[in-house]
Amino acid sequence: MADVLRENHRSDLRVFVIWEPVLETDWGTPSQALTGYVADPRVMHFWDRDRRLSSAYGGVQNLPALATMERVGFRMKEIVWDTALLYSPSAAWGRPAELLLAPVFQYRADLAAALR
């Protein structure tokens, strides 16, 4: 994600990175070393200890309803994670994203192209 942001200089771009406990090592608020991987003034980091966002999305079974187009390259079990949802600046609240990509690293080129 950081390399995608370095290549994209759009000042109107906003990125919300939601950290949640998924792996055994995800036991607390992400350190500055972790958030530093996506250090950019257009990025805001949030810690979702209780995975409320994943629940609000309706869980993994609801992925197809989250975006008009999706590319998912791995099997998520119960938690929506390592996912990018792209919305246009004119997106209306409650509408699906234009694009859902997961895992982010695998679809890095697609993410970069969509942000141009």
PDB file of N, CA and C in Angstrom:
ATOM      1  N   MET A   1       0.822  -1.186   0.000  1.00  0.00           N
ATOM      2  CA  MET A   1       0.000   0.000   0.000  1.00  0.00           C
ATOM      3  C   MET A   1       0.869   1.254   0.000  1.00  0.00           C
ATOM      4  N   ALA A   2       1.937   1.241   0.765  1.00  0.00           N
ATOM      5  CA  ALA A   2       2.797   2.420   0.859  1.00  0.00           C
ATOM      6  C   ALA A   2       3.374   2.789  -0.500  1.00  0.00           C
ATOM      7  N   ASP A   3       3.779   1.778  -1.268  1.00  0.00           N
ATOM      8  CA  ASP A   3       4.347   2.075  -2.580  1.00  0.00           C
ATOM      9  C   ASP A   3       3.290   2.632  -3.525  1.00  0.00           C
ATOM     10  N   VAL A   4       2.066   2.170  -3.397  1.00  0.00           N
ATOM     11  CA  VAL A   4       0.973   2.700  -4.217  1.00  0.00           C
ATOM     12  C   VAL A   4       0.765   4.177  -3.888  1.00  0.00           C
ATOM     13  N   LEU A   5       0.804   4.524  -2.622  1.00  0.00           N
ATOM     14  CA  LEU A   5       0.624   5.920  -2.213  1.00  0.00           C
ATOM     15  C   LEU A   5       1.789   6.795  -2.659  1.00  0.00           C
ATOM     16  N   ARG A   6       3.007   6.258  -2.604  1.00  0.00           N
ATOM     17  CA  ARG A   6       4.168   7.032  -3.055  1.00  0.00           C
ATOM     18  C   ARG A   6       4.069   7.380  -4.531  1.00  0.00           C
ATOM     19  N   GLU A   7       3.467   6.486  -5.317  1.00  0.00           N
ATOM     20  CA  GLU A   7       3.334   6.709  -6.756  1.00  0.00           C
ATOM     21  C   GLU A   7       2.143   7.602  -7.100  1.00  0.00           C
ATOM     22  N   ASN A   8       1.243   7.795  -6.163  1.00  0.00           N
ATOM     23  CA  ASN A   8       0.028   8.555  -6.422  1.00  0.00           C
ATOM     24  C   ASN A   8       0.082   9.854  -5.622  1.00  0.00           C
ATOM     25  N   HIS A   9       0.047  10.964  -6.309  1.00  0.00           N
ATOM     26  CA  HIS A   9       0.194  12.265  -5.643  1.00  0.00           C
ATOM     27  C   HIS A   9      -1.120  13.034  -5.528  1.00  0.00           C
ATOM     28  N   ARG A  10      -2.241  12.364  -5.734  1.00  0.00           N
ATOM     29  CA  ARG A  10      -3.540  13.041  -5.654  1.00  0.00           C
ATOM     30  C   ARG A  10      -3.776  13.586  -4.247  1.00  0.00           C
ATOM     31  N   SER A  11      -3.991  14.856  -4.164  1.00  0.00           N
ATOM     32  CA  SER A  11      -4.213  15.474  -2.854  1.00  0.00           C
ATOM     33  C   SER A  11      -5.612  15.183  -2.317  1.00  0.00           C
ATOM     34  N   ASP A  12      -6.544  14.788  -3.191  1.00  0.00           N
ATOM     35  CA  ASP A  12      -7.909  14.512  -2.743  1.00  0.00           C
ATOM     36  C   ASP A  12      -8.090  13.064  -2.277  1.00  0.00           C
ATOM     37  N   LEU A  13      -7.042  12.270  -2.305  1.00  0.00           N
ATOM     38  CA  LEU A  13      -7.105  10.875  -1.885  1.00  0.00           C
ATOM     39  C   LEU A  13      -7.102  10.778  -0.366  1.00  0.00           C
ATOM     40  N   ARG A  14      -7.984   9.960   0.192  1.00  0.00           N
ATOM     41  CA  ARG A  14      -8.028   9.696   1.625  1.00  0.00           C
ATOM     42  C   ARG A  14      -7.996   8.188   1.827  1.00  0.00           C
ATOM     43  N   VAL A  15      -7.193   7.751   2.780  1.00  0.00           N
ATOM     44  CA  VAL A  15      -7.047   6.328   3.064  1.00  0.00           C
ATOM     45  C   VAL A  15      -7.294   6.117   4.555  1.00  0.00           C
ATOM     46  N   PHE A  16      -8.167   5.182   4.854  1.00  0.00           N
ATOM     47  CA  PHE A  16      -8.443   4.806   6.236  1.00  0.00           C
ATOM     48  C   PHE A  16      -7.949   3.379   6.417  1.00  0.00           C
ATOM     49  N   VAL A  17      -6.947   3.208   7.254  1.00  0.00           N
ATOM     50  CA  VAL A  17      -6.393   1.884   7.526  1.00  0.00           C
ATOM     51  C   VAL A  17      -6.967   1.422   8.854  1.00  0.00           C
ATOM     52  N   ILE A  18      -7.691   0.318   8.803  1.00  0.00           N
ATOM     53  CA  ILE A  18      -8.316  -0.235   9.998  1.00  0.00           C
ATOM     54  C   ILE A  18      -7.521  -1.462  10.406  1.00  0.00           C
ATOM     55  N   TRP A  19      -6.939  -1.406  11.581  1.00  0.00           N
ATOM     56  CA  TRP A  19      -6.190  -2.529  12.129  1.00  0.00           C
ATOM     57  C   TRP A  19      -7.120  -3.299  13.059  1.00  0.00           C
ATOM     58  N   GLU A  20      -7.101  -4.620  12.957  1.00  0.00           N
ATOM     59  CA  GLU A  20      -7.928  -5.446  13.821  1.00  0.00           C
ATOM     60  C   GLU A  20      -7.172  -6.721  14.172  1.00  0.00           C
ATOM     61  N   PRO A  21      -7.517  -7.349  15.286  1.00  0.00           N
ATOM     62  CA  PRO A  21      -6.824  -8.585  15.653  1.00  0.00           C
ATOM     63  C   PRO A  21      -7.293  -9.748  14.779  1.00  0.00           C
ATOM     64  N   VAL A  22      -6.363 -10.287  14.016  1.00  0.00           N
ATOM     65  CA  VAL A  22      -6.664 -11.437  13.164  1.00  0.00           C
ATOM     66  C   VAL A  22      -5.653 -12.545  13.443  1.00  0.00           C
ATOM     67  N   LEU A  23      -4.386 -12.194  13.425  1.00  0.00           N
ATOM     68  CA  LEU A  23      -3.315 -13.155  13.676  1.00  0.00           C
ATOM     69  C   LEU A  23      -2.966 -13.177  15.161  1.00  0.00           C
ATOM     70  N   GLU A  24      -2.295 -14.206  15.606  1.00  0.00           N
ATOM     71  CA  GLU A  24      -1.921 -14.318  17.021  1.00  0.00           C
ATOM     72  C   GLU A  24      -1.081 -13.135  17.494  1.00  0.00           C
ATOM     73  N   THR A  25      -0.340 -12.517  16.599  1.00  0.00           N
ATOM     74  CA  THR A  25       0.527 -11.396  16.977  1.00  0.00           C
ATOM     75  C   THR A  25      -0.231 -10.064  17.035  1.00  0.00           C
ATOM     76  N   ASP A  26      -1.492 -10.054  16.666  1.00  0.00           N
ATOM     77  CA  ASP A  26      -2.304  -8.824  16.645  1.00  0.00           C
ATOM     78  C   ASP A  26      -3.021  -8.619  17.970  1.00  0.00           C
ATOM     79  N   TRP A  27      -2.272  -8.537  19.055  1.00  0.00           N
ATOM     80  CA  TRP A  27      -2.878  -8.494  20.378  1.00  0.00           C
ATOM     81  C   TRP A  27      -3.112  -7.093  20.910  1.00  0.00           C
ATOM     82  N   GLY A  28      -2.653  -6.081  20.219  1.00  0.00           N
ATOM     83  CA  GLY A  28      -2.863  -4.730  20.731  1.00  0.00           C
ATOM     84  C   GLY A  28      -2.758  -3.688  19.639  1.00  0.00           C
ATOM     85  N   THR A  29      -2.977  -2.461  20.038  1.00  0.00           N
ATOM     86  CA  THR A  29      -2.888  -1.335  19.114  1.00  0.00           C
ATOM     87  C   THR A  29      -1.596  -1.423  18.317  1.00  0.00           C
ATOM     88  N   PRO A  30      -1.658  -1.253  17.005  1.00  0.00           N
ATOM     89  CA  PRO A  30      -0.445  -1.364  16.187  1.00  0.00           C
ATOM     90  C   PRO A  30       0.612  -0.333  16.589  1.00  0.00           C
ATOM     91  N   SER A  31       1.832  -0.772  16.580  1.00  0.00           N
ATOM     92  CA  SER A  31       2.954   0.097  16.937  1.00  0.00           C
ATOM     93  C   SER A  31       3.239   1.085  15.806  1.00  0.00           C
ATOM     94  N   GLN A  32       4.040   2.082  16.115  1.00  0.00           N
ATOM     95  CA  GLN A  32       4.456   3.033  15.077  1.00  0.00           C
ATOM     96  C   GLN A  32       5.269   2.337  14.000  1.00  0.00           C
ATOM     97  N   ALA A  33       5.946   1.271  14.357  1.00  0.00           N
ATOM     98  CA  ALA A  33       6.693   0.504  13.354  1.00  0.00           C
ATOM     99  C   ALA A  33       5.737  -0.085  12.323  1.00  0.00           C
ATOM    100  N   LEU A  34       4.578  -0.578  12.773  1.00  0.00           N
ATOM    101  CA  LEU A  34       3.590  -1.127  11.832  1.00  0.00           C
ATOM    102  C   LEU A  34       2.884  -0.030  11.046  1.00  0.00           C
ATOM    103  N   THR A  35       2.396   0.980  11.741  1.00  0.00           N
ATOM    104  CA  THR A  35       1.683   2.044  11.029  1.00  0.00           C
ATOM    105  C   THR A  35       2.627   2.799  10.095  1.00  0.00           C
ATOM    106  N   GLY A  36       3.925   2.743  10.399  1.00  0.00           N
ATOM    107  CA  GLY A  36       4.916   3.380   9.541  1.00  0.00           C
ATOM    108  C   GLY A  36       5.005   2.776   8.162  1.00  0.00           C
ATOM    109  N   TYR A  37       4.515   1.540   8.006  1.00  0.00           N
ATOM    110  CA  TYR A  37       4.496   0.928   6.680  1.00  0.00           C
ATOM    111  C   TYR A  37       3.548   1.676   5.738  1.00  0.00           C
ATOM    112  N   VAL A  38       2.595   2.373   6.314  1.00  0.00           N
ATOM    113  CA  VAL A  38       1.643   3.150   5.521  1.00  0.00           C
ATOM    114  C   VAL A  38       1.644   4.573   6.072  1.00  0.00           C
ATOM    115  N   ALA A  39       2.813   5.181   6.071  1.00  0.00           N
ATOM    116  CA  ALA A  39       2.972   6.542   6.584  1.00  0.00           C
ATOM    117  C   ALA A  39       2.792   7.531   5.439  1.00  0.00           C
ATOM    118  N   ASP A  40       1.738   8.273   5.507  1.00  0.00           N
ATOM    119  CA  ASP A  40       1.413   9.244   4.467  1.00  0.00           C
ATOM    120  C   ASP A  40       0.419  10.216   5.093  1.00  0.00           C
ATOM    121  N   PRO A  41       0.517  11.507   4.812  1.00  0.00           N
ATOM    122  CA  PRO A  41      -0.415  12.460   5.432  1.00  0.00           C
ATOM    123  C   PRO A  41      -1.873  12.249   5.028  1.00  0.00           C
ATOM    124  N   ARG A  42      -2.121  11.484   3.975  1.00  0.00           N
ATOM    125  CA  ARG A  42      -3.502  11.224   3.538  1.00  0.00           C
ATOM    126  C   ARG A  42      -4.105  10.012   4.231  1.00  0.00           C
ATOM    127  N   VAL A  43      -3.336   9.382   5.095  1.00  0.00           N
ATOM    128  CA  VAL A  43      -3.755   8.146   5.765  1.00  0.00           C
ATOM    129  C   VAL A  43      -4.121   8.410   7.219  1.00  0.00           C
ATOM    130  N   MET A  44      -5.215   7.799   7.640  1.00  0.00           N
ATOM    131  CA  MET A  44      -5.607   7.799   9.055  1.00  0.00           C
ATOM    132  C   MET A  44      -5.679   6.343   9.497  1.00  0.00           C
ATOM    133  N   HIS A  45      -5.113   6.059  10.667  1.00  0.00           N
ATOM    134  CA  HIS A  45      -5.089   4.702  11.207  1.00  0.00           C
ATOM    135  C   HIS A  45      -6.091   4.577  12.351  1.00  0.00           C
ATOM    136  N   PHE A  46      -6.779   3.438  12.391  1.00  0.00           N
ATOM    137  CA  PHE A  46      -7.743   3.151  13.449  1.00  0.00           C
ATOM    138  C   PHE A  46      -7.516   1.737  13.958  1.00  0.00           C
ATOM    139  N   TRP A  47      -7.698   1.520  15.248  1.00  0.00           N
ATOM    140  CA  TRP A  47      -7.587   0.200  15.863  1.00  0.00           C
ATOM    141  C   TRP A  47      -8.989  -0.267  16.207  1.00  0.00           C
ATOM    142  N   ASP A  48      -9.404  -1.391  15.645  1.00  0.00           N
ATOM    143  CA  ASP A  48     -10.732  -1.960  15.841  1.00  0.00           C
ATOM    144  C   ASP A  48     -10.601  -3.270  16.623  1.00  0.00           C
ATOM    145  N   ARG A  49     -10.365  -3.132  17.908  1.00  0.00           N
ATOM    146  CA  ARG A  49     -10.109  -4.290  18.767  1.00  0.00           C
ATOM    147  C   ARG A  49     -11.227  -5.329  18.697  1.00  0.00           C
ATOM    148  N   ASP A  50     -12.461  -4.876  18.603  1.00  0.00           N
ATOM    149  CA  ASP A  50     -13.606  -5.793  18.641  1.00  0.00           C
ATOM    150  C   ASP A  50     -14.107  -6.197  17.259  1.00  0.00           C
ATOM    151  N   ARG A  51     -13.359  -5.813  16.220  1.00  0.00           N
ATOM    152  CA  ARG A  51     -13.704  -6.154  14.829  1.00  0.00           C
ATOM    153  C   ARG A  51     -15.109  -5.679  14.456  1.00  0.00           C
ATOM    154  N   ARG A  52     -15.462  -4.515  14.913  1.00  0.00           N
ATOM    155  CA  ARG A  52     -16.802  -3.980  14.641  1.00  0.00           C
ATOM    156  C   ARG A  52     -17.024  -3.693  13.160  1.00  0.00           C
ATOM    157  N   LEU A  53     -15.974  -3.236  12.482  1.00  0.00           N
ATOM    158  CA  LEU A  53     -16.136  -2.950  11.055  1.00  0.00           C
ATOM    159  C   LEU A  53     -16.420  -4.231  10.280  1.00  0.00           C
ATOM    160  N   SER A  54     -15.694  -5.284  10.564  1.00  0.00           N
ATOM    161  CA  SER A  54     -15.933  -6.566   9.913  1.00  0.00           C
ATOM    162  C   SER A  54     -17.369  -7.022  10.159  1.00  0.00           C
ATOM    163  N   SER A  55     -17.845  -6.854  11.380  1.00  0.00           N
ATOM    164  CA  SER A  55     -19.231  -7.208  11.707  1.00  0.00           C
ATOM    165  C   SER A  55     -20.212  -6.319  10.958  1.00  0.00           C
ATOM    166  N   ALA A  56     -19.908  -5.025  10.894  1.00  0.00           N
ATOM    167  CA  ALA A  56     -20.794  -4.096  10.182  1.00  0.00           C
ATOM    168  C   ALA A  56     -20.877  -4.438   8.700  1.00  0.00           C
ATOM    169  N   TYR A  57     -19.786  -4.941   8.157  1.00  0.00           N
ATOM    170  CA  TYR A  57     -19.791  -5.364   6.754  1.00  0.00           C
ATOM    171  C   TYR A  57     -20.656  -6.594   6.532  1.00  0.00           C
ATOM    172  N   GLY A  58     -21.024  -7.284   7.598  1.00  0.00           N
ATOM    173  CA  GLY A  58     -21.843  -8.483   7.465  1.00  0.00           C
ATOM    174  C   GLY A  58     -21.027  -9.754   7.387  1.00  0.00           C
ATOM    175  N   GLY A  59     -19.735  -9.630   7.679  1.00  0.00           N
ATOM    176  CA  GLY A  59     -18.880 -10.806   7.648  1.00  0.00           C
ATOM    177  C   GLY A  59     -18.482 -11.195   6.240  1.00  0.00           C
ATOM    178  N   VAL A  60     -17.710 -12.236   6.146  1.00  0.00           N
ATOM    179  CA  VAL A  60     -17.145 -12.701   4.879  1.00  0.00           C
ATOM    180  C   VAL A  60     -18.229 -13.096   3.883  1.00  0.00           C
ATOM    181  N   GLN A  61     -19.297 -13.677   4.364  1.00  0.00           N
ATOM    182  CA  GLN A  61     -20.366 -14.118   3.465  1.00  0.00           C
ATOM    183  C   GLN A  61     -21.014 -12.957   2.709  1.00  0.00           C
ATOM    184  N   ASN A  62     -20.810 -11.739   3.180  1.00  0.00           N
ATOM    185  CA  ASN A  62     -21.420 -10.566   2.552  1.00  0.00           C
ATOM    186  C   ASN A  62     -20.462  -9.823   1.616  1.00  0.00           C
ATOM    187  N   LEU A  63     -19.272 -10.351   1.372  1.00  0.00           N
ATOM    188  CA  LEU A  63     -18.304  -9.667   0.511  1.00  0.00           C
ATOM    189  C   LEU A  63     -18.885  -9.236  -0.840  1.00  0.00           C
ATOM    190  N   PRO A  64     -19.640 -10.079  -1.536  1.00  0.00           N
ATOM    191  CA  PRO A  64     -20.158  -9.666  -2.841  1.00  0.00           C
ATOM    192  C   PRO A  64     -21.057  -8.424  -2.791  1.00  0.00           C
ATOM    193  N   ALA A  65     -21.682  -8.164  -1.663  1.00  0.00           N
ATOM    194  CA  ALA A  65     -22.565  -6.999  -1.542  1.00  0.00           C
ATOM    195  C   ALA A  65     -21.806  -5.715  -1.206  1.00  0.00           C
ATOM    196  N   LEU A  66     -20.521  -5.827  -0.864  1.00  0.00           N
ATOM    197  CA  LEU A  66     -19.761  -4.656  -0.441  1.00  0.00           C
ATOM    198  C   LEU A  66     -19.250  -3.804  -1.590  1.00  0.00           C
ATOM    199  N   ALA A  67     -19.173  -4.373  -2.790  1.00  0.00           N
ATOM    200  CA  ALA A  67     -18.621  -3.625  -3.928  1.00  0.00           C
ATOM    201  C   ALA A  67     -19.244  -4.110  -5.232  1.00  0.00           C
ATOM    202  N   THR A  68     -19.253  -3.229  -6.213  1.00  0.00           N
ATOM    203  CA  THR A  68     -19.790  -3.617  -7.519  1.00  0.00           C
ATOM    204  C   THR A  68     -18.854  -4.560  -8.258  1.00  0.00           C
ATOM    205  N   MET A  69     -17.557  -4.518  -7.917  1.00  0.00           N
ATOM    206  CA  MET A  69     -16.595  -5.452  -8.489  1.00  0.00           C
ATOM    207  C   MET A  69     -15.659  -5.903  -7.371  1.00  0.00           C
ATOM    208  N   GLU A  70     -15.364  -7.197  -7.334  1.00  0.00           N
ATOM    209  CA  GLU A  70     -14.488  -7.709  -6.290  1.00  0.00           C
ATOM    210  C   GLU A  70     -13.462  -8.672  -6.870  1.00  0.00           C
ATOM    211  N   ARG A  71     -12.290  -8.651  -6.260  1.00  0.00           N
ATOM    212  CA  ARG A  71     -11.230  -9.601  -6.581  1.00  0.00           C
ATOM    213  C   ARG A  71     -10.667 -10.067  -5.248  1.00  0.00           C
ATOM    214  N   VAL A  72     -10.951 -11.306  -4.923  1.00  0.00           N
ATOM    215  CA  VAL A  72     -10.501 -11.871  -3.659  1.00  0.00           C
ATOM    216  C   VAL A  72      -9.635 -13.090  -3.973  1.00  0.00           C
ATOM    217  N   GLY A  73      -8.385 -13.030  -3.550  1.00  0.00           N
ATOM    218  CA  GLY A  73      -7.433 -14.073  -3.890  1.00  0.00           C
ATOM    219  C   GLY A  73      -7.079 -15.007  -2.747  1.00  0.00           C
ATOM    220  N   PHE A  74      -7.840 -14.975  -1.671  1.00  0.00           N
ATOM    221  CA  PHE A  74      -7.607 -15.911  -0.576  1.00  0.00           C
ATOM    222  C   PHE A  74      -8.912 -16.145   0.160  1.00  0.00           C
ATOM    223  N   ARG A  75      -8.959 -17.222   0.928  1.00  0.00           N
ATOM    224  CA  ARG A  75     -10.182 -17.580   1.639  1.00  0.00           C
ATOM    225  C   ARG A  75     -10.165 -16.979   3.039  1.00  0.00           C
ATOM    226  N   MET A  76     -11.052 -16.033   3.263  1.00  0.00           N
ATOM    227  CA  MET A  76     -11.235 -15.479   4.607  1.00  0.00           C
ATOM    228  C   MET A  76     -12.218 -16.401   5.324  1.00  0.00           C
ATOM    229  N   LYS A  77     -11.993 -16.614   6.607  1.00  0.00           N
ATOM    230  CA  LYS A  77     -12.884 -17.517   7.337  1.00  0.00           C
ATOM    231  C   LYS A  77     -14.092 -16.773   7.889  1.00  0.00           C
ATOM    232  N   GLU A  78     -13.879 -15.948   8.906  1.00  0.00           N
ATOM    233  CA  GLU A  78     -14.992 -15.238   9.540  1.00  0.00           C
ATOM    234  C   GLU A  78     -14.817 -13.736   9.500  1.00  0.00           C
ATOM    235  N   ILE A  79     -13.590 -13.286   9.360  1.00  0.00           N
ATOM    236  CA  ILE A  79     -13.268 -11.874   9.512  1.00  0.00           C
ATOM    237  C   ILE A  79     -12.880 -11.278   8.162  1.00  0.00           C
ATOM    238  N   VAL A  80     -13.451 -10.124   7.843  1.00  0.00           N
ATOM    239  CA  VAL A  80     -13.040  -9.391   6.645  1.00  0.00           C
ATOM    240  C   VAL A  80     -11.737  -8.686   7.000  1.00  0.00           C
ATOM    241  N   TRP A  81     -10.629  -9.033   6.289  1.00  0.00           N
ATOM    242  CA  TRP A  81      -9.339  -8.438   6.606  1.00  0.00           C
ATOM    243  C   TRP A  81      -8.463  -8.399   5.365  1.00  0.00           C
ATOM    244  N   ASP A  82      -7.399  -7.609   5.445  1.00  0.00           N
ATOM    245  CA  ASP A  82      -6.462  -7.410   4.338  1.00  0.00           C
ATOM    246  C   ASP A  82      -7.221  -7.071   3.056  1.00  0.00           C
ATOM    247  N   THR A  83      -8.113  -6.121   3.184  1.00  0.00           N
ATOM    248  CA  THR A  83      -9.040  -5.774   2.110  1.00  0.00           C
ATOM    249  C   THR A  83      -9.010  -4.280   1.840  1.00  0.00           C
ATOM    250  N   ALA A  84      -9.018  -3.924   0.569  1.00  0.00           N
ATOM    251  CA  ALA A  84      -9.138  -2.520   0.171  1.00  0.00           C
ATOM    252  C   ALA A  84     -10.508  -2.329  -0.464  1.00  0.00           C
ATOM    253  N   LEU A  85     -11.221  -1.334  -0.001  1.00  0.00           N
ATOM    254  CA  LEU A  85     -12.495  -0.940  -0.603  1.00  0.00           C
ATOM    255  C   LEU A  85     -12.302   0.453  -1.172  1.00  0.00           C
ATOM    256  N   LEU A  86     -12.580   0.624  -2.450  1.00  0.00           N
ATOM    257  CA  LEU A  86     -12.363   1.912  -3.106  1.00  0.00           C
ATOM    258  C   LEU A  86     -13.700   2.575  -3.416  1.00  0.00           C
ATOM    259  N   TYR A  87     -13.809   3.819  -2.971  1.00  0.00           N
ATOM    260  CA  TYR A  87     -15.003   4.632  -3.189  1.00  0.00           C
ATOM    261  C   TYR A  87     -14.597   5.875  -3.964  1.00  0.00           C
ATOM    262  N   SER A  88     -15.463   6.320  -4.844  1.00  0.00           N
ATOM    263  CA  SER A  88     -15.185   7.565  -5.569  1.00  0.00           C
ATOM    264  C   SER A  88     -15.466   8.743  -4.641  1.00  0.00           C
ATOM    265  N   PRO A  89     -14.935   9.919  -4.976  1.00  0.00           N
ATOM    266  CA  PRO A  89     -15.211  11.105  -4.147  1.00  0.00           C
ATOM    267  C   PRO A  89     -16.708  11.434  -4.067  1.00  0.00           C
ATOM    268  N   SER A  90     -17.479  11.004  -5.033  1.00  0.00           N
ATOM    269  CA  SER A  90     -18.916  11.305  -5.034  1.00  0.00           C
ATOM    270  C   SER A  90     -19.754  10.171  -4.447  1.00  0.00           C
ATOM    271  N   ALA A  91     -19.120   9.217  -3.800  1.00  0.00           N
ATOM    272  CA  ALA A  91     -19.844   8.071  -3.241  1.00  0.00           C
ATOM    273  C   ALA A  91     -20.871   8.532  -2.214  1.00  0.00           C
ATOM    274  N   ALA A  92     -22.017   7.886  -2.226  1.00  0.00           N
ATOM    275  CA  ALA A  92     -23.084   8.179  -1.265  1.00  0.00           C
ATOM    276  C   ALA A  92     -23.022   7.169  -0.131  1.00  0.00           C
ATOM    277  N   TRP A  93     -23.299   7.650   1.089  1.00  0.00           N
ATOM    278  CA  TRP A  93     -23.284   6.800   2.262  1.00  0.00           C
ATOM    279  C   TRP A  93     -24.253   5.631   2.064  1.00  0.00           C
ATOM    280  N   GLY A  94     -23.806   4.443   2.384  1.00  0.00           N
ATOM    281  CA  GLY A  94     -24.654   3.261   2.284  1.00  0.00           C
ATOM    282  C   GLY A  94     -24.565   2.547   0.949  1.00  0.00           C
ATOM    283  N   ARG A  95     -23.902   3.143  -0.007  1.00  0.00           N
ATOM    284  CA  ARG A  95     -23.741   2.525  -1.324  1.00  0.00           C
ATOM    285  C   ARG A  95     -22.522   1.612  -1.323  1.00  0.00           C
ATOM    286  N   PRO A  96     -22.526   0.573  -2.160  1.00  0.00           N
ATOM    287  CA  PRO A  96     -21.347  -0.291  -2.230  1.00  0.00           C
ATOM    288  C   PRO A  96     -20.136   0.456  -2.787  1.00  0.00           C
ATOM    289  N   ALA A  97     -18.965  -0.033  -2.433  1.00  0.00           N
ATOM    290  CA  ALA A  97     -17.726   0.494  -3.006  1.00  0.00           C
ATOM    291  C   ALA A  97     -17.695   0.149  -4.495  1.00  0.00           C
ATOM    292  N   GLU A  98     -16.855   0.840  -5.225  1.00  0.00           N
ATOM    293  CA  GLU A  98     -16.700   0.519  -6.648  1.00  0.00           C
ATOM    294  C   GLU A  98     -15.856  -0.734  -6.830  1.00  0.00           C
ATOM    295  N   LEU A  99     -14.921  -0.950  -5.910  1.00  0.00           N
ATOM    296  CA  LEU A  99     -13.981  -2.058  -6.058  1.00  0.00           C
ATOM    297  C   LEU A  99     -13.556  -2.576  -4.688  1.00  0.00           C
ATOM    298  N   LEU A 100     -13.471  -3.893  -4.572  1.00  0.00           N
ATOM    299  CA  LEU A 100     -12.969  -4.555  -3.378  1.00  0.00           C
ATOM    300  C   LEU A 100     -11.809  -5.443  -3.807  1.00  0.00           C
ATOM    301  N   LEU A 101     -10.662  -5.300  -3.159  1.00  0.00           N
ATOM    302  CA  LEU A 101      -9.472  -6.091  -3.466  1.00  0.00           C
ATOM    303  C   LEU A 101      -8.937  -6.743  -2.200  1.00  0.00           C
ATOM    304  N   ALA A 102      -8.647  -8.026  -2.267  1.00  0.00           N
ATOM    305  CA  ALA A 102      -8.069  -8.725  -1.111  1.00  0.00           C
ATOM    306  C   ALA A 102      -7.305  -9.966  -1.603  1.00  0.00           C
ATOM    307  N   PRO A 103      -6.114 -10.170  -1.118  1.00  0.00           N
ATOM    308  CA  PRO A 103      -5.346  -9.324  -0.228  1.00  0.00           C
ATOM    309  C   PRO A 103      -4.760  -8.128  -0.975  1.00  0.00           C
ATOM    310  N   VAL A 104      -4.534  -7.086  -0.242  1.00  0.00           N
ATOM    311  CA  VAL A 104      -4.078  -5.829  -0.837  1.00  0.00           C
ATOM    312  C   VAL A 104      -2.767  -6.022  -1.602  1.00  0.00           C
ATOM    313  N   PHE A 105      -1.815  -6.741  -1.015  1.00  0.00           N
ATOM    314  CA  PHE A 105      -0.514  -6.923  -1.672  1.00  0.00           C
ATOM    315  C   PHE A 105      -0.658  -7.627  -3.026  1.00  0.00           C
ATOM    316  N   GLN A 106      -1.490  -8.631  -3.100  1.00  0.00           N
ATOM    317  CA  GLN A 106      -1.656  -9.397  -4.341  1.00  0.00           C
ATOM    318  C   GLN A 106      -2.219  -8.532  -5.463  1.00  0.00           C
ATOM    319  N   TYR A 107      -3.096  -7.598  -5.133  1.00  0.00           N
ATOM    320  CA  TYR A 107      -3.753  -6.767  -6.143  1.00  0.00           C
ATOM    321  C   TYR A 107      -3.229  -5.336  -6.132  1.00  0.00           C
ATOM    322  N   ARG A 108      -1.986  -5.167  -5.760  1.00  0.00           N
ATOM    323  CA  ARG A 108      -1.343  -3.871  -5.683  1.00  0.00           C
ATOM    324  C   ARG A 108      -1.438  -3.095  -7.004  1.00  0.00           C
ATOM    325  N   ALA A 109      -1.182  -3.757  -8.127  1.00  0.00           N
ATOM    326  CA  ALA A 109      -1.251  -3.093  -9.435  1.00  0.00           C
ATOM    327  C   ALA A 109      -2.676  -2.653  -9.748  1.00  0.00           C
ATOM    328  N   ASP A 110      -3.654  -3.470  -9.411  1.00  0.00           N
ATOM    329  CA  ASP A 110      -5.063  -3.112  -9.628  1.00  0.00           C
ATOM    330  C   ASP A 110      -5.445  -1.907  -8.769  1.00  0.00           C
ATOM    331  N   LEU A 111      -4.946  -1.899  -7.552  1.00  0.00           N
ATOM    332  CA  LEU A 111      -5.200  -0.782  -6.648  1.00  0.00           C
ATOM    333  C   LEU A 111      -4.597   0.507  -7.207  1.00  0.00           C
ATOM    334  N   ALA A 112      -3.356   0.434  -7.641  1.00  0.00           N
ATOM    335  CA  ALA A 112      -2.687   1.608  -8.203  1.00  0.00           C
ATOM    336  C   ALA A 112      -3.436   2.121  -9.428  1.00  0.00           C
ATOM    337  N   ALA A 113      -3.868   1.227 -10.298  1.00  0.00           N
ATOM    338  CA  ALA A 113      -4.599   1.633 -11.516  1.00  0.00           C
ATOM    339  C   ALA A 113      -5.935   2.273 -11.152  1.00  0.00           C
ATOM    340  N   ALA A 114      -6.627   1.734 -10.179  1.00  0.00           N
ATOM    341  CA  ALA A 114      -7.930   2.259  -9.784  1.00  0.00           C
ATOM    342  C   ALA A 114      -7.832   3.637  -9.151  1.00  0.00           C
ATOM    343  N   LEU A 115      -6.689   3.949  -8.570  1.00  0.00           N
ATOM    344  CA  LEU A 115      -6.516   5.230  -7.912  1.00  0.00           C
ATOM    345  C   LEU A 115      -6.057   6.340  -8.858  1.00  0.00           C
ATOM    346  N   ARG A 116      -5.749   6.007 -10.079  1.00  0.00           N
ATOM    347  CA  ARG A 116      -5.290   7.027 -11.040  1.00  0.00           C
ATOM    348  C   ARG A 116      -6.427   7.886 -11.524  1.00  0.00           C
TER     349      ARG A 116
END
